[in-house]
Amino acid sequence: MNERPTSRRRKSINFRVHALESSLFKGAQQFFGSRFGIGVPEMRILSNLDSEGELVANQLVALTAMDKGLVSRILNALHKRRLLLASESPTDARRRSWALSRNGRALVEQLRPLWKQREAMIQADLSPQEHELLEELLERLFIASEKLRTEEAAALQDDPKRARRRRPAQVRTRQPEAAE
């Protein structure tokens, strides 16, 4: 049987954005992983620290839209590789600030031209007006998605029955007591 692939044009925006993200991620992961031993999530952290300067983990979570556990693991791994410096907060020993080390800055300097080159290649068929429109539309979709996510999270908190249904079933850890 000769099956044709289904057109992405008829798929939802969610599907199309995820398919694009997956393709971009796989390509960048393969390219940068093989050449520099670094993955896309690590590059996002390095890039944000390069452009924003010293940050705490919560700020990186917000900037990268990544899970806080993942951000924490990446920060620790980059620190072990001596790409980041960690500074203890004078008021809270549990709260560290993160910044690029000399090695981290050197790596970002190597990566930056390649990031820009790959992005330019991907967007080569877009006119400057299309590029500007795409940036605007992506930002508007992100804002709308975050608003919906926040509203849905609040609704779940306001409706305990609904929240209870969404929790995974509790696993019984104690054996029932034997009848005497």
N, C-alpha and C. Protein backbone atom coordinates (compact mmCIF):
# COMPACT_ATOMS: atom_id res chain seq x y z
N MET A 1 0.84 -1.17 0.00
CA MET A 1 0.00 0.00 0.00
C MET A 1 0.89 1.25 0.00
N ASN A 2 0.62 2.18 -0.88
CA ASN A 2 1.42 3.39 -1.01
C ASN A 2 0.74 4.53 -0.27
N GLU A 3 1.24 4.85 0.93
CA GLU A 3 0.63 5.91 1.72
C GLU A 3 1.40 7.21 1.55
N ARG A 4 0.65 8.29 1.36
CA ARG A 4 1.25 9.62 1.29
C ARG A 4 1.31 10.21 2.68
N PRO A 5 2.39 10.94 3.00
CA PRO A 5 2.40 11.62 4.30
C PRO A 5 1.31 12.68 4.33
N THR A 6 0.70 12.84 5.48
CA THR A 6 -0.34 13.85 5.65
C THR A 6 0.32 15.23 5.67
N SER A 7 -0.31 16.18 5.04
CA SER A 7 0.23 17.53 4.99
C SER A 7 0.22 18.18 6.37
N ARG A 8 1.34 18.82 6.72
CA ARG A 8 1.40 19.56 7.98
C ARG A 8 0.50 20.80 7.92
N ARG A 9 0.23 21.31 6.73
CA ARG A 9 -0.59 22.52 6.60
C ARG A 9 -1.99 22.33 7.20
N ARG A 10 -2.49 21.12 7.18
CA ARG A 10 -3.83 20.89 7.72
C ARG A 10 -3.82 20.57 9.20
N LYS A 11 -2.67 20.52 9.80
CA LYS A 11 -2.56 20.21 11.23
C LYS A 11 -2.74 21.48 12.05
N SER A 12 -2.97 21.30 13.33
CA SER A 12 -3.15 22.43 14.23
C SER A 12 -1.84 23.21 14.39
N ILE A 13 -1.96 24.44 14.85
CA ILE A 13 -0.77 25.25 15.12
C ILE A 13 0.10 24.56 16.16
N ASN A 14 -0.52 23.99 17.20
CA ASN A 14 0.26 23.28 18.22
C ASN A 14 1.12 22.19 17.60
N PHE A 15 0.54 21.41 16.70
CA PHE A 15 1.27 20.33 16.05
C PHE A 15 2.42 20.91 15.23
N ARG A 16 2.15 21.95 14.46
CA ARG A 16 3.15 22.52 13.56
C ARG A 16 4.30 23.16 14.33
N VAL A 17 3.97 23.87 15.41
CA VAL A 17 5.02 24.49 16.21
C VAL A 17 5.87 23.41 16.87
N HIS A 18 5.22 22.35 17.38
CA HIS A 18 5.97 21.26 18.00
C HIS A 18 6.84 20.54 16.97
N ALA A 19 6.32 20.32 15.77
CA ALA A 19 7.12 19.66 14.73
C ALA A 19 8.33 20.51 14.36
N LEU A 20 8.13 21.82 14.26
CA LEU A 20 9.25 22.73 13.97
C LEU A 20 10.26 22.70 15.11
N GLU A 21 9.77 22.80 16.34
CA GLU A 21 10.66 22.77 17.51
C GLU A 21 11.45 21.48 17.55
N SER A 22 10.80 20.37 17.27
CA SER A 22 11.46 19.08 17.30
C SER A 22 12.56 19.01 16.23
N SER A 23 12.28 19.50 15.05
CA SER A 23 13.25 19.49 13.97
C SER A 23 14.45 20.39 14.31
N LEU A 24 14.16 21.59 14.81
CA LEU A 24 15.23 22.52 15.19
C LEU A 24 16.08 21.93 16.30
N PHE A 25 15.42 21.34 17.31
CA PHE A 25 16.12 20.76 18.46
C PHE A 25 17.03 19.62 18.01
N LYS A 26 16.48 18.70 17.22
CA LYS A 26 17.27 17.54 16.79
C LYS A 26 18.49 17.97 15.98
N GLY A 27 18.28 18.92 15.07
CA GLY A 27 19.39 19.39 14.24
C GLY A 27 20.47 20.06 15.07
N ALA A 28 20.06 20.96 15.97
CA ALA A 28 21.04 21.68 16.81
C ALA A 28 21.73 20.73 17.77
N GLN A 29 20.97 19.79 18.33
CA GLN A 29 21.54 18.82 19.27
C GLN A 29 22.62 18.00 18.58
N GLN A 30 22.33 17.55 17.38
CA GLN A 30 23.29 16.74 16.63
C GLN A 30 24.51 17.59 16.26
N PHE A 31 24.29 18.78 15.74
CA PHE A 31 25.37 19.64 15.28
C PHE A 31 26.29 20.05 16.43
N PHE A 32 25.71 20.65 17.47
CA PHE A 32 26.52 21.17 18.57
C PHE A 32 27.02 20.05 19.50
N GLY A 33 26.23 18.99 19.62
CA GLY A 33 26.67 17.87 20.44
C GLY A 33 27.90 17.20 19.87
N SER A 34 27.90 16.98 18.56
CA SER A 34 29.05 16.30 17.95
C SER A 34 30.29 17.17 17.91
N ARG A 35 30.12 18.48 17.80
CA ARG A 35 31.28 19.37 17.67
C ARG A 35 31.79 19.91 19.01
N PHE A 36 30.86 20.11 19.97
CA PHE A 36 31.25 20.77 21.21
C PHE A 36 30.87 19.99 22.47
N GLY A 37 30.18 18.87 22.29
CA GLY A 37 29.76 18.10 23.45
C GLY A 37 28.76 18.84 24.33
N ILE A 38 27.93 19.66 23.70
CA ILE A 38 26.97 20.47 24.45
C ILE A 38 25.61 20.38 23.77
N GLY A 39 24.56 20.33 24.58
CA GLY A 39 23.22 20.20 24.05
C GLY A 39 22.48 21.53 24.01
N VAL A 40 21.32 21.51 23.43
CA VAL A 40 20.50 22.72 23.28
C VAL A 40 20.11 23.32 24.63
N PRO A 41 19.65 22.55 25.60
CA PRO A 41 19.32 23.17 26.89
C PRO A 41 20.51 23.88 27.53
N GLU A 42 21.68 23.27 27.43
CA GLU A 42 22.89 23.90 27.97
C GLU A 42 23.20 25.19 27.23
N MET A 43 23.02 25.17 25.91
CA MET A 43 23.26 26.37 25.11
C MET A 43 22.30 27.49 25.48
N ARG A 44 21.06 27.14 25.80
CA ARG A 44 20.09 28.16 26.20
C ARG A 44 20.51 28.84 27.50
N ILE A 45 21.02 28.05 28.44
CA ILE A 45 21.51 28.62 29.70
C ILE A 45 22.71 29.52 29.44
N LEU A 46 23.69 29.03 28.68
CA LEU A 46 24.89 29.81 28.38
C LEU A 46 24.54 31.10 27.65
N SER A 47 23.64 31.00 26.69
CA SER A 47 23.25 32.17 25.91
C SER A 47 22.59 33.23 26.80
N ASN A 48 21.72 32.80 27.69
CA ASN A 48 21.04 33.76 28.57
C ASN A 48 22.01 34.40 29.55
N LEU A 49 22.94 33.62 30.08
CA LEU A 49 23.93 34.19 30.99
C LEU A 49 24.85 35.16 30.25
N ASP A 50 25.12 34.88 28.98
CA ASP A 50 25.95 35.77 28.18
C ASP A 50 25.23 37.10 27.93
N SER A 51 23.96 37.02 27.58
CA SER A 51 23.24 38.26 27.24
C SER A 51 22.73 39.03 28.45
N GLU A 52 22.42 38.33 29.54
CA GLU A 52 21.81 38.98 30.71
C GLU A 52 22.80 39.24 31.84
N GLY A 53 23.91 38.52 31.85
CA GLY A 53 24.84 38.63 32.96
C GLY A 53 24.46 37.68 34.08
N GLU A 54 24.94 37.93 35.27
CA GLU A 54 24.72 37.05 36.42
C GLU A 54 23.22 36.92 36.73
N LEU A 55 22.77 35.67 36.93
CA LEU A 55 21.36 35.39 37.20
C LEU A 55 21.24 34.31 38.26
N VAL A 56 20.08 34.26 38.92
CA VAL A 56 19.76 33.15 39.80
C VAL A 56 18.94 32.15 39.01
N ALA A 57 18.82 30.94 39.53
CA ALA A 57 18.15 29.85 38.81
C ALA A 57 16.72 30.21 38.43
N ASN A 58 15.97 30.85 39.33
CA ASN A 58 14.58 31.20 39.02
C ASN A 58 14.48 32.11 37.81
N GLN A 59 15.44 33.02 37.67
CA GLN A 59 15.44 33.90 36.51
C GLN A 59 15.71 33.11 35.23
N LEU A 60 16.60 32.14 35.31
CA LEU A 60 16.88 31.31 34.15
C LEU A 60 15.68 30.44 33.78
N VAL A 61 14.98 29.95 34.77
CA VAL A 61 13.76 29.18 34.51
C VAL A 61 12.77 30.05 33.73
N ALA A 62 12.57 31.28 34.17
CA ALA A 62 11.63 32.19 33.50
C ALA A 62 12.10 32.54 32.09
N LEU A 63 13.38 32.82 31.93
CA LEU A 63 13.90 33.22 30.62
C LEU A 63 13.90 32.09 29.60
N THR A 64 14.16 30.87 30.05
CA THR A 64 14.29 29.74 29.13
C THR A 64 13.01 28.95 28.97
N ALA A 65 12.03 29.17 29.87
CA ALA A 65 10.79 28.39 29.88
C ALA A 65 11.07 26.90 30.04
N MET A 66 12.15 26.58 30.77
CA MET A 66 12.50 25.19 31.04
C MET A 66 12.10 24.84 32.47
N ASP A 67 11.96 23.57 32.73
CA ASP A 67 11.63 23.05 34.05
C ASP A 67 12.73 23.39 35.04
N LYS A 68 12.34 23.76 36.28
CA LYS A 68 13.34 24.17 37.26
C LYS A 68 14.30 23.04 37.63
N GLY A 69 13.84 21.80 37.65
CA GLY A 69 14.73 20.68 37.93
C GLY A 69 15.78 20.52 36.83
N LEU A 70 15.36 20.68 35.58
CA LEU A 70 16.29 20.59 34.46
C LEU A 70 17.31 21.72 34.53
N VAL A 71 16.84 22.94 34.81
CA VAL A 71 17.75 24.08 34.91
C VAL A 71 18.78 23.82 36.02
N SER A 72 18.34 23.32 37.14
CA SER A 72 19.25 23.03 38.25
C SER A 72 20.31 22.01 37.85
N ARG A 73 19.90 20.94 37.18
CA ARG A 73 20.85 19.91 36.75
C ARG A 73 21.85 20.48 35.73
N ILE A 74 21.36 21.31 34.82
CA ILE A 74 22.25 21.89 33.81
C ILE A 74 23.25 22.83 34.47
N LEU A 75 22.77 23.67 35.39
CA LEU A 75 23.67 24.60 36.07
C LEU A 75 24.79 23.84 36.78
N ASN A 76 24.44 22.79 37.49
CA ASN A 76 25.44 22.00 38.21
C ASN A 76 26.41 21.31 37.25
N ALA A 77 25.90 20.79 36.13
CA ALA A 77 26.77 20.13 35.15
C ALA A 77 27.72 21.13 34.50
N LEU A 78 27.21 22.31 34.15
CA LEU A 78 28.07 23.33 33.54
C LEU A 78 29.10 23.85 34.54
N HIS A 79 28.71 23.91 35.80
CA HIS A 79 29.63 24.33 36.85
C HIS A 79 30.76 23.30 37.00
N LYS A 80 30.42 22.02 36.98
CA LYS A 80 31.43 20.96 37.07
C LYS A 80 32.39 21.00 35.89
N ARG A 81 31.89 21.42 34.73
CA ARG A 81 32.74 21.54 33.53
C ARG A 81 33.53 22.86 33.53
N ARG A 82 33.37 23.64 34.58
CA ARG A 82 34.05 24.93 34.75
C ARG A 82 33.66 25.95 33.69
N LEU A 83 32.40 25.85 33.24
CA LEU A 83 31.88 26.84 32.30
C LEU A 83 31.10 27.94 33.02
N LEU A 84 30.74 27.68 34.28
CA LEU A 84 30.00 28.64 35.09
C LEU A 84 30.68 28.87 36.43
N LEU A 85 30.44 30.05 36.97
CA LEU A 85 30.85 30.39 38.33
C LEU A 85 29.58 30.51 39.16
N ALA A 86 29.64 30.04 40.40
CA ALA A 86 28.50 30.14 41.32
C ALA A 86 28.89 31.04 42.48
N SER A 87 27.98 31.94 42.84
CA SER A 87 28.20 32.84 43.98
C SER A 87 27.07 32.65 44.98
N GLU A 88 27.44 32.44 46.23
CA GLU A 88 26.44 32.31 47.30
C GLU A 88 25.81 33.67 47.58
N SER A 89 24.53 33.66 47.88
CA SER A 89 23.83 34.89 48.27
C SER A 89 24.23 35.23 49.71
N PRO A 90 24.47 36.51 49.98
CA PRO A 90 24.82 36.87 51.36
C PRO A 90 23.66 36.69 52.34
N THR A 91 22.42 36.66 51.82
CA THR A 91 21.26 36.55 52.70
C THR A 91 20.67 35.14 52.75
N ASP A 92 20.95 34.31 51.75
CA ASP A 92 20.36 32.97 51.70
C ASP A 92 21.36 32.01 51.07
N ALA A 93 21.95 31.15 51.88
CA ALA A 93 22.99 30.23 51.41
C ALA A 93 22.47 29.26 50.35
N ARG A 94 21.16 29.04 50.30
CA ARG A 94 20.60 28.12 49.32
C ARG A 94 20.43 28.77 47.94
N ARG A 95 20.52 30.07 47.89
CA ARG A 95 20.28 30.80 46.65
C ARG A 95 21.62 31.23 46.04
N ARG A 96 21.95 30.66 44.90
CA ARG A 96 23.22 30.98 44.24
C ARG A 96 22.95 31.82 42.99
N SER A 97 23.91 32.67 42.68
CA SER A 97 23.91 33.40 41.42
C SER A 97 24.88 32.69 40.49
N TRP A 98 24.56 32.73 39.22
CA TRP A 98 25.37 32.03 38.23
C TRP A 98 25.87 33.01 37.19
N ALA A 99 27.09 32.83 36.76
CA ALA A 99 27.69 33.67 35.72
C ALA A 99 28.63 32.81 34.88
N LEU A 100 28.91 33.28 33.67
CA LEU A 100 29.86 32.56 32.82
C LEU A 100 31.27 32.69 33.40
N SER A 101 32.01 31.61 33.37
CA SER A 101 33.43 31.65 33.72
C SER A 101 34.20 32.10 32.47
N ARG A 102 35.49 32.23 32.60
CA ARG A 102 36.31 32.57 31.43
C ARG A 102 36.13 31.49 30.35
N ASN A 103 36.13 30.21 30.76
CA ASN A 103 35.93 29.11 29.80
C ASN A 103 34.54 29.17 29.18
N GLY A 104 33.54 29.53 29.98
CA GLY A 104 32.17 29.65 29.48
C GLY A 104 32.06 30.76 28.45
N ARG A 105 32.69 31.91 28.73
CA ARG A 105 32.66 33.02 27.77
C ARG A 105 33.37 32.62 26.47
N ALA A 106 34.48 31.91 26.61
CA ALA A 106 35.22 31.46 25.42
C ALA A 106 34.37 30.51 24.57
N LEU A 107 33.65 29.61 25.24
CA LEU A 107 32.78 28.69 24.51
C LEU A 107 31.66 29.43 23.81
N VAL A 108 31.04 30.38 24.49
CA VAL A 108 29.96 31.16 23.88
C VAL A 108 30.49 31.92 22.66
N GLU A 109 31.71 32.45 22.76
CA GLU A 109 32.31 33.17 21.63
C GLU A 109 32.50 32.24 20.42
N GLN A 110 32.77 30.97 20.67
CA GLN A 110 32.89 29.99 19.59
C GLN A 110 31.51 29.64 19.03
N LEU A 111 30.52 29.52 19.92
CA LEU A 111 29.19 29.07 19.51
C LEU A 111 28.38 30.17 18.81
N ARG A 112 28.50 31.42 19.27
CA ARG A 112 27.65 32.50 18.78
C ARG A 112 27.61 32.61 17.25
N PRO A 113 28.75 32.63 16.56
CA PRO A 113 28.68 32.74 15.10
C PRO A 113 27.96 31.55 14.46
N LEU A 114 28.12 30.38 15.06
CA LEU A 114 27.46 29.19 14.51
C LEU A 114 25.95 29.25 14.76
N TRP A 115 25.53 29.73 15.96
CA TRP A 115 24.09 29.91 16.23
C TRP A 115 23.49 30.82 15.17
N LYS A 116 24.16 31.95 14.96
CA LYS A 116 23.64 32.95 14.02
C LYS A 116 23.62 32.42 12.60
N GLN A 117 24.66 31.70 12.22
CA GLN A 117 24.73 31.13 10.88
C GLN A 117 23.61 30.12 10.64
N ARG A 118 23.40 29.24 11.60
CA ARG A 118 22.34 28.23 11.45
C ARG A 118 20.97 28.89 11.39
N GLU A 119 20.74 29.89 12.25
CA GLU A 119 19.46 30.59 12.24
C GLU A 119 19.23 31.31 10.91
N ALA A 120 20.27 31.94 10.39
CA ALA A 120 20.16 32.64 9.11
C ALA A 120 19.83 31.65 7.98
N MET A 121 20.44 30.47 8.02
CA MET A 121 20.17 29.46 7.00
C MET A 121 18.72 29.00 7.06
N ILE A 122 18.21 28.81 8.27
CA ILE A 122 16.84 28.35 8.44
C ILE A 122 15.84 29.41 7.97
N GLN A 123 16.18 30.68 8.17
CA GLN A 123 15.27 31.77 7.83
C GLN A 123 15.58 32.42 6.48
N ALA A 124 16.44 31.81 5.70
CA ALA A 124 16.91 32.42 4.45
C ALA A 124 15.77 32.74 3.48
N ASP A 125 14.71 31.97 3.48
CA ASP A 125 13.62 32.20 2.53
C ASP A 125 12.62 33.25 3.00
N LEU A 126 12.82 33.81 4.19
CA LEU A 126 11.90 34.83 4.70
C LEU A 126 12.39 36.22 4.31
N SER A 127 11.47 37.06 3.88
CA SER A 127 11.82 38.46 3.64
C SER A 127 11.98 39.15 5.00
N PRO A 128 12.59 40.31 5.05
CA PRO A 128 12.70 41.03 6.33
C PRO A 128 11.33 41.29 6.96
N GLN A 129 10.33 41.58 6.14
CA GLN A 129 8.98 41.81 6.67
C GLN A 129 8.39 40.52 7.23
N GLU A 130 8.61 39.41 6.55
CA GLU A 130 8.12 38.12 7.05
C GLU A 130 8.83 37.75 8.35
N HIS A 131 10.11 38.00 8.41
CA HIS A 131 10.87 37.71 9.63
C HIS A 131 10.31 38.51 10.80
N GLU A 132 10.08 39.80 10.59
CA GLU A 132 9.53 40.66 11.64
C GLU A 132 8.13 40.20 12.05
N LEU A 133 7.31 39.85 11.07
CA LEU A 133 5.96 39.36 11.36
C LEU A 133 6.02 38.05 12.13
N LEU A 134 6.90 37.14 11.72
CA LEU A 134 7.04 35.86 12.41
C LEU A 134 7.42 36.08 13.87
N GLU A 135 8.38 36.96 14.14
CA GLU A 135 8.78 37.25 15.52
C GLU A 135 7.59 37.78 16.32
N GLU A 136 6.84 38.70 15.72
CA GLU A 136 5.67 39.27 16.42
C GLU A 136 4.62 38.20 16.70
N LEU A 137 4.33 37.37 15.71
CA LEU A 137 3.31 36.33 15.88
C LEU A 137 3.74 35.29 16.92
N LEU A 138 5.00 34.89 16.89
CA LEU A 138 5.47 33.92 17.87
C LEU A 138 5.38 34.49 19.29
N GLU A 139 5.72 35.75 19.45
CA GLU A 139 5.62 36.38 20.78
C GLU A 139 4.17 36.44 21.24
N ARG A 140 3.27 36.81 20.34
CA ARG A 140 1.85 36.88 20.71
C ARG A 140 1.30 35.50 21.07
N LEU A 141 1.70 34.47 20.32
CA LEU A 141 1.26 33.11 20.64
C LEU A 141 1.84 32.65 21.98
N PHE A 142 3.08 32.99 22.26
CA PHE A 142 3.68 32.62 23.54
C PHE A 142 2.93 33.29 24.69
N ILE A 143 2.65 34.57 24.56
CA ILE A 143 1.93 35.30 25.61
C ILE A 143 0.54 34.68 25.82
N ALA A 144 -0.16 34.37 24.73
CA ALA A 144 -1.49 33.76 24.84
C ALA A 144 -1.41 32.39 25.50
N SER A 145 -0.38 31.62 25.16
CA SER A 145 -0.21 30.29 25.74
C SER A 145 0.07 30.39 27.24
N GLU A 146 0.94 31.31 27.64
CA GLU A 146 1.24 31.49 29.06
C GLU A 146 0.01 31.96 29.83
N LYS A 147 -0.78 32.83 29.23
CA LYS A 147 -2.00 33.31 29.87
C LYS A 147 -2.97 32.14 30.08
N LEU A 148 -3.16 31.33 29.06
CA LEU A 148 -4.05 30.17 29.17
C LEU A 148 -3.55 29.20 30.21
N ARG A 149 -2.25 28.93 30.21
CA ARG A 149 -1.67 28.00 31.19
C ARG A 149 -1.90 28.51 32.61
N THR A 150 -1.68 29.79 32.83
CA THR A 150 -1.87 30.39 34.15
C THR A 150 -3.34 30.32 34.59
N GLU A 151 -4.25 30.64 33.66
CA GLU A 151 -5.68 30.59 33.98
C GLU A 151 -6.12 29.17 34.30
N GLU A 152 -5.64 28.20 33.54
CA GLU A 152 -6.02 26.81 33.80
C GLU A 152 -5.46 26.33 35.13
N ALA A 153 -4.25 26.73 35.46
CA ALA A 153 -3.65 26.34 36.75
C ALA A 153 -4.46 26.95 37.89
N ALA A 154 -4.88 28.20 37.75
CA ALA A 154 -5.69 28.85 38.79
C ALA A 154 -7.03 28.16 38.93
N ALA A 155 -7.64 27.79 37.81
CA ALA A 155 -8.93 27.10 37.85
C ALA A 155 -8.82 25.76 38.56
N LEU A 156 -7.73 25.06 38.36
CA LEU A 156 -7.53 23.78 39.04
C LEU A 156 -7.39 23.99 40.55
N GLN A 157 -6.74 25.06 40.94
CA GLN A 157 -6.60 25.35 42.37
C GLN A 157 -7.93 25.75 42.98
N ASP A 158 -8.77 26.42 42.21
CA ASP A 158 -10.06 26.88 42.71
C ASP A 158 -11.08 25.75 42.81
N ASP A 159 -10.88 24.67 42.08
CA ASP A 159 -11.82 23.56 42.06
C ASP A 159 -11.14 22.31 42.62
N PRO A 160 -11.23 22.08 43.94
CA PRO A 160 -10.53 20.94 44.55
C PRO A 160 -10.92 19.59 43.95
N LYS A 161 -12.18 19.42 43.55
CA LYS A 161 -12.59 18.14 42.97
C LYS A 161 -11.83 17.87 41.67
N ARG A 162 -11.71 18.87 40.85
CA ARG A 162 -11.00 18.74 39.59
C ARG A 162 -9.52 18.46 39.84
N ALA A 163 -8.93 19.19 40.77
CA ALA A 163 -7.52 19.00 41.09
C ALA A 163 -7.27 17.59 41.62
N ARG A 164 -8.20 17.08 42.43
CA ARG A 164 -8.06 15.74 42.98
C ARG A 164 -8.05 14.71 41.86
N ARG A 165 -8.91 14.89 40.86
CA ARG A 165 -8.98 13.94 39.75
C ARG A 165 -7.69 13.92 38.95
N ARG A 166 -6.98 15.04 38.91
CA ARG A 166 -5.78 15.13 38.10
C ARG A 166 -4.56 14.55 38.80
N ARG A 167 -4.61 14.37 40.11
CA ARG A 167 -3.47 13.80 40.83
C ARG A 167 -3.38 12.31 40.54
N PRO A 168 -2.16 11.79 40.47
CA PRO A 168 -2.03 10.34 40.28
C PRO A 168 -2.56 9.61 41.51
N ALA A 169 -3.04 8.42 41.28
CA ALA A 169 -3.58 7.62 42.40
C ALA A 169 -2.48 7.36 43.42
N GLN A 170 -2.85 7.39 44.68
CA GLN A 170 -1.91 7.13 45.76
C GLN A 170 -1.58 5.64 45.78
N VAL A 171 -0.33 5.34 45.99
CA VAL A 171 0.10 3.94 46.09
C VAL A 171 0.08 3.58 47.57
N ARG A 172 -0.57 2.50 47.88
CA ARG A 172 -0.65 2.05 49.27
C ARG A 172 0.69 1.50 49.68
N THR A 173 1.23 2.04 50.79
CA THR A 173 2.55 1.60 51.23
C THR A 173 2.49 0.66 52.41
N ARG A 174 1.37 0.69 53.15
CA ARG A 174 1.25 -0.20 54.31
C ARG A 174 0.35 -1.38 53.96
N GLN A 175 0.69 -2.50 54.50
CA GLN A 175 -0.15 -3.68 54.32
C GLN A 175 -1.35 -3.57 55.25
N PRO A 176 -2.52 -4.01 54.79
CA PRO A 176 -3.67 -4.00 55.71
C PRO A 176 -3.39 -4.87 56.92
N GLU A 177 -3.88 -4.41 58.08
CA GLU A 177 -3.66 -5.18 59.31
C GLU A 177 -4.49 -6.46 59.26
N ALA A 178 -3.90 -7.53 59.76
CA ALA A 178 -4.59 -8.81 59.76
C ALA A 178 -5.69 -8.80 60.82
N ALA A 179 -6.80 -9.44 60.51
CA ALA A 179 -7.90 -9.52 61.47
C ALA A 179 -7.50 -10.46 62.60
N GLU A 180 -7.88 -10.07 63.83
CA GLU A 180 -7.50 -10.91 64.97
C GLU A 180 -8.56 -11.91 65.28
